[in-house]
Amino acid sequence: TRPGSPGEASGPPAAGLPPPAERGATVIPDRVVAR
């Protein structure tokens, strides 16, 4: 089975993905911080 296909056993979700710090960032808008 191909990775991500329905027949694949569920393994660790981060397998083959870059570390979380390299995947993106959480952005908090100015108005939320102001609140």
PDB file of all heavy atoms in Angstrom:
ATOM      1  N   THR A   1       0.844  -1.185   0.000  1.00  0.00           N
ATOM      2  CA  THR A   1       0.000   0.000   0.000  1.00  0.00           C
ATOM      3  C   THR A   1       0.880   1.236   0.000  1.00  0.00           C
ATOM      4  O   THR A   1       2.005   1.209   0.484  1.00  0.00           O
ATOM      5  CB  THR A   1      -0.921   0.036   1.236  1.00  0.00           C
ATOM      6  OG1 THR A   1      -0.117   0.004   2.404  1.00  0.00           O
ATOM      7  CG2 THR A   1      -1.899  -1.117   1.228  1.00  0.00           C
ATOM      8  N   ARG A   2       0.349   2.293  -0.541  1.00  0.00           N
ATOM      9  CA  ARG A   2       1.075   3.557  -0.554  1.00  0.00           C
ATOM     10  C   ARG A   2       0.889   4.258   0.782  1.00  0.00           C
ATOM     11  O   ARG A   2      -0.130   4.093   1.436  1.00  0.00           O
ATOM     12  CB  ARG A   2       0.548   4.468  -1.657  1.00  0.00           C
ATOM     13  CG  ARG A   2       0.841   3.958  -3.030  1.00  0.00           C
ATOM     14  CD  ARG A   2       0.362   4.930  -4.034  1.00  0.00           C
ATOM     15  NE  ARG A   2      -1.006   5.370  -3.646  1.00  0.00           N
ATOM     16  CZ  ARG A   2      -1.838   5.993  -4.432  1.00  0.00           C
ATOM     17  NH1 ARG A   2      -1.499   6.304  -5.629  1.00  0.00           N
ATOM     18  NH2 ARG A   2      -3.040   6.330  -4.023  1.00  0.00           N
ATOM     19  N   PRO A   3       1.857   5.077   1.186  1.00  0.00           N
ATOM     20  CA  PRO A   3       1.672   5.845   2.412  1.00  0.00           C
ATOM     21  C   PRO A   3       0.442   6.720   2.289  1.00  0.00           C
ATOM     22  O   PRO A   3       0.217   7.363   1.279  1.00  0.00           O
ATOM     23  CB  PRO A   3       2.933   6.712   2.502  1.00  0.00           C
ATOM     24  CG  PRO A   3       3.949   6.028   1.645  1.00  0.00           C
ATOM     25  CD  PRO A   3       3.166   5.301   0.589  1.00  0.00           C
ATOM     26  N   GLY A   4      -0.377   6.684   3.332  1.00  0.00           N
ATOM     27  CA  GLY A   4      -1.578   7.504   3.357  1.00  0.00           C
ATOM     28  C   GLY A   4      -2.792   6.824   2.764  1.00  0.00           C
ATOM     29  O   GLY A   4      -3.874   7.367   2.778  1.00  0.00           O
ATOM     30  N   SER A   5      -2.631   5.619   2.213  1.00  0.00           N
ATOM     31  CA  SER A   5      -3.790   4.942   1.642  1.00  0.00           C
ATOM     32  C   SER A   5      -4.563   4.246   2.754  1.00  0.00           C
ATOM     33  O   SER A   5      -4.027   3.957   3.810  1.00  0.00           O
ATOM     34  CB  SER A   5      -3.351   3.933   0.575  1.00  0.00           C
ATOM     35  OG  SER A   5      -2.593   2.905   1.174  1.00  0.00           O
ATOM     36  N   PRO A   6      -5.846   3.952   2.526  1.00  0.00           N
ATOM     37  CA  PRO A   6      -6.684   3.373   3.568  1.00  0.00           C
ATOM     38  C   PRO A   6      -6.186   2.035   4.089  1.00  0.00           C
ATOM     39  O   PRO A   6      -6.441   1.703   5.224  1.00  0.00           O
ATOM     40  CB  PRO A   6      -8.049   3.211   2.901  1.00  0.00           C
ATOM     41  CG  PRO A   6      -8.032   4.054   1.677  1.00  0.00           C
ATOM     42  CD  PRO A   6      -6.616   4.240   1.315  1.00  0.00           C
ATOM     43  N   GLY A   7      -5.453   1.290   3.330  1.00  0.00           N
ATOM     44  CA  GLY A   7      -4.990  -0.021   3.766  1.00  0.00           C
ATOM     45  C   GLY A   7      -3.766   0.038   4.649  1.00  0.00           C
ATOM     46  O   GLY A   7      -3.342  -0.975   5.189  1.00  0.00           O
ATOM     47  N   GLU A   8      -3.165   1.190   4.826  1.00  0.00           N
ATOM     48  CA  GLU A   8      -1.934   1.314   5.602  1.00  0.00           C
ATOM     49  C   GLU A   8      -2.249   1.323   7.093  1.00  0.00           C
ATOM     50  O   GLU A   8      -3.195   1.948   7.544  1.00  0.00           O
ATOM     51  CB  GLU A   8      -1.218   2.612   5.223  1.00  0.00           C
ATOM     52  CG  GLU A   8       0.082   2.808   5.965  1.00  0.00           C
ATOM     53  CD  GLU A   8       0.717   4.140   5.627  1.00  0.00           C
ATOM     54  OE1 GLU A   8       0.020   5.074   5.248  1.00  0.00           O
ATOM     55  OE2 GLU A   8       1.931   4.224   5.757  1.00  0.00           O
ATOM     56  N   ALA A   9      -1.429   0.632   7.846  1.00  0.00           N
ATOM     57  CA  ALA A   9      -1.584   0.641   9.302  1.00  0.00           C
ATOM     58  C   ALA A   9      -1.194   2.017   9.815  1.00  0.00           C
ATOM     59  O   ALA A   9      -0.273   2.643   9.309  1.00  0.00           O
ATOM     60  CB  ALA A   9      -0.701  -0.437   9.926  1.00  0.00           C
ATOM     61  N   SER A  10      -1.923   2.458  10.834  1.00  0.00           N
ATOM     62  CA  SER A  10      -1.608   3.793  11.346  1.00  0.00           C
ATOM     63  C   SER A  10      -0.373   3.721  12.224  1.00  0.00           C
ATOM     64  O   SER A  10      -0.351   3.051  13.232  1.00  0.00           O
ATOM     65  CB  SER A  10      -2.798   4.358  12.127  1.00  0.00           C
ATOM     66  OG  SER A  10      -3.103   3.506  13.209  1.00  0.00           O
ATOM     67  N   GLY A  11       0.655   4.419  11.798  1.00  0.00           N
ATOM     68  CA  GLY A  11       1.912   4.492  12.536  1.00  0.00           C
ATOM     69  C   GLY A  11       2.046   5.867  13.146  1.00  0.00           C
ATOM     70  O   GLY A  11       1.084   6.621  13.234  1.00  0.00           O
ATOM     71  N   PRO A  12       3.243   6.200  13.566  1.00  0.00           N
ATOM     72  CA  PRO A  12       3.439   7.531  14.127  1.00  0.00           C
ATOM     73  C   PRO A  12       3.177   8.588  13.060  1.00  0.00           C
ATOM     74  O   PRO A  12       3.642   8.477  11.937  1.00  0.00           O
ATOM     75  CB  PRO A  12       4.898   7.541  14.581  1.00  0.00           C
ATOM     76  CG  PRO A  12       5.527   6.317  14.024  1.00  0.00           C
ATOM     77  CD  PRO A  12       4.437   5.397  13.581  1.00  0.00           C
ATOM     78  N   PRO A  13       2.386   9.635  13.372  1.00  0.00           N
ATOM     79  CA  PRO A  13       1.999  10.622  12.372  1.00  0.00           C
ATOM     80  C   PRO A  13       3.159  11.453  11.851  1.00  0.00           C
ATOM     81  O   PRO A  13       3.087  11.988  10.766  1.00  0.00           O
ATOM     82  CB  PRO A  13       0.988  11.514  13.106  1.00  0.00           C
ATOM     83  CG  PRO A  13       1.251  11.302  14.552  1.00  0.00           C
ATOM     84  CD  PRO A  13       1.821   9.923  14.677  1.00  0.00           C
ATOM     85  N   ALA A  14       4.252  11.552  12.593  1.00  0.00           N
ATOM     86  CA  ALA A  14       5.370  12.392  12.172  1.00  0.00           C
ATOM     87  C   ALA A  14       6.382  11.622  11.327  1.00  0.00           C
ATOM     88  O   ALA A  14       7.398  12.184  10.949  1.00  0.00           O
ATOM     89  CB  ALA A  14       6.059  12.992  13.393  1.00  0.00           C
ATOM     90  N   ALA A  15       6.117  10.359  11.031  1.00  0.00           N
ATOM     91  CA  ALA A  15       7.065   9.564  10.249  1.00  0.00           C
ATOM     92  C   ALA A  15       7.234  10.168   8.863  1.00  0.00           C
ATOM     93  O   ALA A  15       6.268  10.374   8.140  1.00  0.00           O
ATOM     94  CB  ALA A  15       6.587   8.124  10.141  1.00  0.00           C
ATOM     95  N   GLY A  16       8.457  10.511   8.500  1.00  0.00           N
ATOM     96  CA  GLY A  16       8.732  11.064   7.190  1.00  0.00           C
ATOM     97  C   GLY A  16       8.504  12.564   7.095  1.00  0.00           C
ATOM     98  O   GLY A  16       8.761  13.151   6.057  1.00  0.00           O
ATOM     99  N   LEU A  17       7.999  13.203   8.136  1.00  0.00           N
ATOM    100  CA  LEU A  17       7.769  14.643   8.132  1.00  0.00           C
ATOM    101  C   LEU A  17       8.937  15.363   8.802  1.00  0.00           C
ATOM    102  O   LEU A  17       9.600  14.805   9.669  1.00  0.00           O
ATOM    103  CB  LEU A  17       6.482  14.991   8.895  1.00  0.00           C
ATOM    104  CG  LEU A  17       5.178  14.495   8.302  1.00  0.00           C
ATOM    105  CD1 LEU A  17       4.023  14.821   9.223  1.00  0.00           C
ATOM    106  CD2 LEU A  17       4.944  15.117   6.939  1.00  0.00           C
ATOM    107  N   PRO A  18       9.164  16.587   8.416  1.00  0.00           N
ATOM    108  CA  PRO A  18      10.209  17.352   9.104  1.00  0.00           C
ATOM    109  C   PRO A  18       9.797  17.625  10.555  1.00  0.00           C
ATOM    110  O   PRO A  18       8.619  17.539  10.896  1.00  0.00           O
ATOM    111  CB  PRO A  18      10.300  18.651   8.306  1.00  0.00           C
ATOM    112  CG  PRO A  18       9.099  18.712   7.455  1.00  0.00           C
ATOM    113  CD  PRO A  18       8.545  17.329   7.348  1.00  0.00           C
ATOM    114  N   PRO A  19      10.745  17.971  11.406  1.00  0.00           N
ATOM    115  CA  PRO A  19      10.411  18.270  12.802  1.00  0.00           C
ATOM    116  C   PRO A  19       9.382  19.411  12.882  1.00  0.00           C
ATOM    117  O   PRO A  19       9.316  20.261  11.986  1.00  0.00           O
ATOM    118  CB  PRO A  19      11.739  18.729  13.409  1.00  0.00           C
ATOM    119  CG  PRO A  19      12.795  18.245  12.479  1.00  0.00           C
ATOM    120  CD  PRO A  19      12.158  18.108  11.128  1.00  0.00           C
ATOM    121  N   PRO A  20       8.566  19.434  13.940  1.00  0.00           N
ATOM    122  CA  PRO A  20       7.515  20.456  14.065  1.00  0.00           C
ATOM    123  C   PRO A  20       8.026  21.887  13.914  1.00  0.00           C
ATOM    124  O   PRO A  20       7.352  22.720  13.315  1.00  0.00           O
ATOM    125  CB  PRO A  20       6.948  20.220  15.468  1.00  0.00           C
ATOM    126  CG  PRO A  20       7.241  18.797  15.752  1.00  0.00           C
ATOM    127  CD  PRO A  20       8.529  18.493  15.047  1.00  0.00           C
ATOM    128  N   ALA A  21       9.203  22.172  14.423  1.00  0.00           N
ATOM    129  CA  ALA A  21       9.735  23.534  14.346  1.00  0.00           C
ATOM    130  C   ALA A  21      10.006  23.968  12.911  1.00  0.00           C
ATOM    131  O   ALA A  21      10.005  25.158  12.601  1.00  0.00           O
ATOM    132  CB  ALA A  21      11.008  23.650  15.161  1.00  0.00           C
ATOM    133  N   GLU A  22      10.200  23.021  12.029  1.00  0.00           N
ATOM    134  CA  GLU A  22      10.494  23.345  10.633  1.00  0.00           C
ATOM    135  C   GLU A  22       9.238  23.342   9.760  1.00  0.00           C
ATOM    136  O   GLU A  22       9.298  23.719   8.598  1.00  0.00           O
ATOM    137  CB  GLU A  22      11.507  22.352  10.076  1.00  0.00           C
ATOM    138  CG  GLU A  22      12.868  22.456  10.736  1.00  0.00           C
ATOM    139  CD  GLU A  22      13.831  21.400  10.220  1.00  0.00           C
ATOM    140  OE1 GLU A  22      13.533  20.724   9.210  1.00  0.00           O
ATOM    141  OE2 GLU A  22      14.888  21.245  10.849  1.00  0.00           O
ATOM    142  N   ARG A  23       8.103  22.894  10.286  1.00  0.00           N
ATOM    143  CA  ARG A  23       6.878  22.797   9.492  1.00  0.00           C
ATOM    144  C   ARG A  23       6.130  24.107   9.360  1.00  0.00           C
ATOM    145  O   ARG A  23       5.350  24.283   8.451  1.00  0.00           O
ATOM    146  CB  ARG A  23       5.938  21.770  10.095  1.00  0.00           C
ATOM    147  CG  ARG A  23       6.383  20.363   9.838  1.00  0.00           C
ATOM    148  CD  ARG A  23       5.338  19.408  10.319  1.00  0.00           C
ATOM    149  NE  ARG A  23       5.966  18.542  11.293  1.00  0.00           N
ATOM    150  CZ  ARG A  23       5.347  17.865  12.217  1.00  0.00           C
ATOM    151  NH1 ARG A  23       4.050  17.958  12.335  1.00  0.00           N
ATOM    152  NH2 ARG A  23       5.995  17.109  13.046  1.00  0.00           N
ATOM    153  N   GLY A  24       6.301  25.010  10.293  1.00  0.00           N
ATOM    154  CA  GLY A  24       5.553  26.255  10.215  1.00  0.00           C
ATOM    155  C   GLY A  24       5.551  26.959  11.556  1.00  0.00           C
ATOM    156  O   GLY A  24       6.265  26.583  12.466  1.00  0.00           O
ATOM    157  N   ALA A  25       4.746  27.967  11.646  1.00  0.00           N
ATOM    158  CA  ALA A  25       4.690  28.754  12.866  1.00  0.00           C
ATOM    159  C   ALA A  25       3.243  29.121  13.174  1.00  0.00           C
ATOM    160  O   ALA A  25       2.407  29.206  12.286  1.00  0.00           O
ATOM    161  CB  ALA A  25       5.516  30.022  12.703  1.00  0.00           C
ATOM    162  N   THR A  26       2.983  29.318  14.436  1.00  0.00           N
ATOM    163  CA  THR A  26       1.683  29.808  14.863  1.00  0.00           C
ATOM    164  C   THR A  26       1.754  31.320  14.892  1.00  0.00           C
ATOM    165  O   THR A  26       2.649  31.897  15.502  1.00  0.00           O
ATOM    166  CB  THR A  26       1.335  29.274  16.264  1.00  0.00           C
ATOM    167  OG1 THR A  26       1.327  27.852  16.206  1.00  0.00           O
ATOM    168  CG2 THR A  26      -0.006  29.790  16.729  1.00  0.00           C
ATOM    169  N   VAL A  27       0.832  31.967  14.235  1.00  0.00           N
ATOM    170  CA  VAL A  27       0.805  33.428  14.184  1.00  0.00           C
ATOM    171  C   VAL A  27      -0.389  33.907  15.001  1.00  0.00           C
ATOM    172  O   VAL A  27      -1.520  33.486  14.761  1.00  0.00           O
ATOM    173  CB  VAL A  27       0.697  33.923  12.729  1.00  0.00           C
ATOM    174  CG1 VAL A  27       0.610  35.438  12.691  1.00  0.00           C
ATOM    175  CG2 VAL A  27       1.869  33.424  11.907  1.00  0.00           C
ATOM    176  N   ILE A  28      -0.123  34.788  15.957  1.00  0.00           N
ATOM    177  CA  ILE A  28      -1.191  35.350  16.773  1.00  0.00           C
ATOM    178  C   ILE A  28      -1.375  36.795  16.332  1.00  0.00           C
ATOM    179  O   ILE A  28      -0.451  37.595  16.434  1.00  0.00           O
ATOM    180  CB  ILE A  28      -0.845  35.283  18.268  1.00  0.00           C
ATOM    181  CG1 ILE A  28      -0.547  33.834  18.677  1.00  0.00           C
ATOM    182  CG2 ILE A  28      -1.978  35.853  19.107  1.00  0.00           C
ATOM    183  CD1 ILE A  28      -0.031  33.688  20.086  1.00  0.00           C
ATOM    184  N   PRO A  29      -2.552  37.149  15.824  1.00  0.00           N
ATOM    185  CA  PRO A  29      -2.781  38.517  15.339  1.00  0.00           C
ATOM    186  C   PRO A  29      -2.652  39.554  16.460  1.00  0.00           C
ATOM    187  O   PRO A  29      -2.905  39.267  17.629  1.00  0.00           O
ATOM    188  CB  PRO A  29      -4.215  38.485  14.809  1.00  0.00           C
ATOM    189  CG  PRO A  29      -4.523  37.044  14.595  1.00  0.00           C
ATOM    190  CD  PRO A  29      -3.703  36.284  15.585  1.00  0.00           C
ATOM    191  N   ASP A  30      -2.294  40.769  16.066  1.00  0.00           N
ATOM    192  CA  ASP A  30      -2.135  41.873  17.017  1.00  0.00           C
ATOM    193  C   ASP A  30      -3.390  42.075  17.862  1.00  0.00           C
ATOM    194  O   ASP A  30      -3.305  42.286  19.071  1.00  0.00           O
ATOM    195  CB  ASP A  30      -1.821  43.188  16.282  1.00  0.00           C
ATOM    196  CG  ASP A  30      -0.474  43.180  15.595  1.00  0.00           C
ATOM    197  OD1 ASP A  30       0.285  42.201  15.746  1.00  0.00           O
ATOM    198  OD2 ASP A  30      -0.178  44.165  14.902  1.00  0.00           O
ATOM    199  N   ARG A  31      -4.556  42.015  17.230  1.00  0.00           N
ATOM    200  CA  ARG A  31      -5.795  42.290  17.961  1.00  0.00           C
ATOM    201  C   ARG A  31      -6.067  41.239  19.028  1.00  0.00           C
ATOM    202  O   ARG A  31      -6.651  41.540  20.067  1.00  0.00           O
ATOM    203  CB  ARG A  31      -6.981  42.419  17.004  1.00  0.00           C
ATOM    204  CG  ARG A  31      -7.310  41.176  16.248  1.00  0.00           C
ATOM    205  CD  ARG A  31      -8.442  41.406  15.238  1.00  0.00           C
ATOM    206  NE  ARG A  31      -8.585  40.290  14.353  1.00  0.00           N
ATOM    207  CZ  ARG A  31      -9.175  39.145  14.668  1.00  0.00           C
ATOM    208  NH1 ARG A  31      -9.700  38.981  15.840  1.00  0.00           N
ATOM    209  NH2 ARG A  31      -9.257  38.163  13.797  1.00  0.00           N
ATOM    210  N   VAL A  32      -5.636  40.008  18.815  1.00  0.00           N
ATOM    211  CA  VAL A  32      -5.815  38.948  19.810  1.00  0.00           C
ATOM    212  C   VAL A  32      -4.884  39.199  20.998  1.00  0.00           C
ATOM    213  O   VAL A  32      -5.291  39.091  22.158  1.00  0.00           O
ATOM    214  CB  VAL A  32      -5.574  37.557  19.185  1.00  0.00           C
ATOM    215  CG1 VAL A  32      -5.584  36.468  20.246  1.00  0.00           C
ATOM    216  CG2 VAL A  32      -6.597  37.281  18.108  1.00  0.00           C
ATOM    217  N   VAL A  33      -3.642  39.554  20.708  1.00  0.00           N
ATOM    218  CA  VAL A  33      -2.697  39.861  21.785  1.00  0.00           C
ATOM    219  C   VAL A  33      -3.178  41.088  22.555  1.00  0.00           C
ATOM    220  O   VAL A  33      -3.090  41.135  23.785  1.00  0.00           O
ATOM    221  CB  VAL A  33      -1.270  40.071  21.228  1.00  0.00           C
ATOM    222  CG1 VAL A  33      -0.305  40.460  22.343  1.00  0.00           C
ATOM    223  CG2 VAL A  33      -0.787  38.811  20.517  1.00  0.00           C
ATOM    224  N   ALA A  34      -3.725  42.082  21.857  1.00  0.00           N
ATOM    225  CA  ALA A  34      -4.249  43.282  22.524  1.00  0.00           C
ATOM    226  C   ALA A  34      -5.406  42.924  23.447  1.00  0.00           C
ATOM    227  O   ALA A  34      -5.521  43.448  24.554  1.00  0.00           O
ATOM    228  CB  ALA A  34      -4.685  44.317  21.497  1.00  0.00           C
ATOM    229  N   ARG A  35      -6.268  42.021  23.013  1.00  0.00           N
ATOM    230  CA  ARG A  35      -7.394  41.604  23.856  1.00  0.00           C
ATOM    231  C   ARG A  35      -6.891  40.886  25.107  1.00  0.00           C
ATOM    232  O   ARG A  35      -7.408  41.105  26.209  1.00  0.00           O
ATOM    233  CB  ARG A  35      -8.328  40.688  23.065  1.00  0.00           C
ATOM    234  CG  ARG A  35      -9.532  40.249  23.871  1.00  0.00           C
ATOM    235  CD  ARG A  35     -10.515  39.483  23.050  1.00  0.00           C
ATOM    236  NE  ARG A  35     -11.204  40.432  22.182  1.00  0.00           N
ATOM    237  CZ  ARG A  35     -12.035  40.089  21.224  1.00  0.00           C
ATOM    238  NH1 ARG A  35     -12.251  38.823  20.972  1.00  0.00           N
ATOM    239  NH2 ARG A  35     -12.638  41.000  20.499  1.00  0.00           N
TER     240      ARG A  35
END
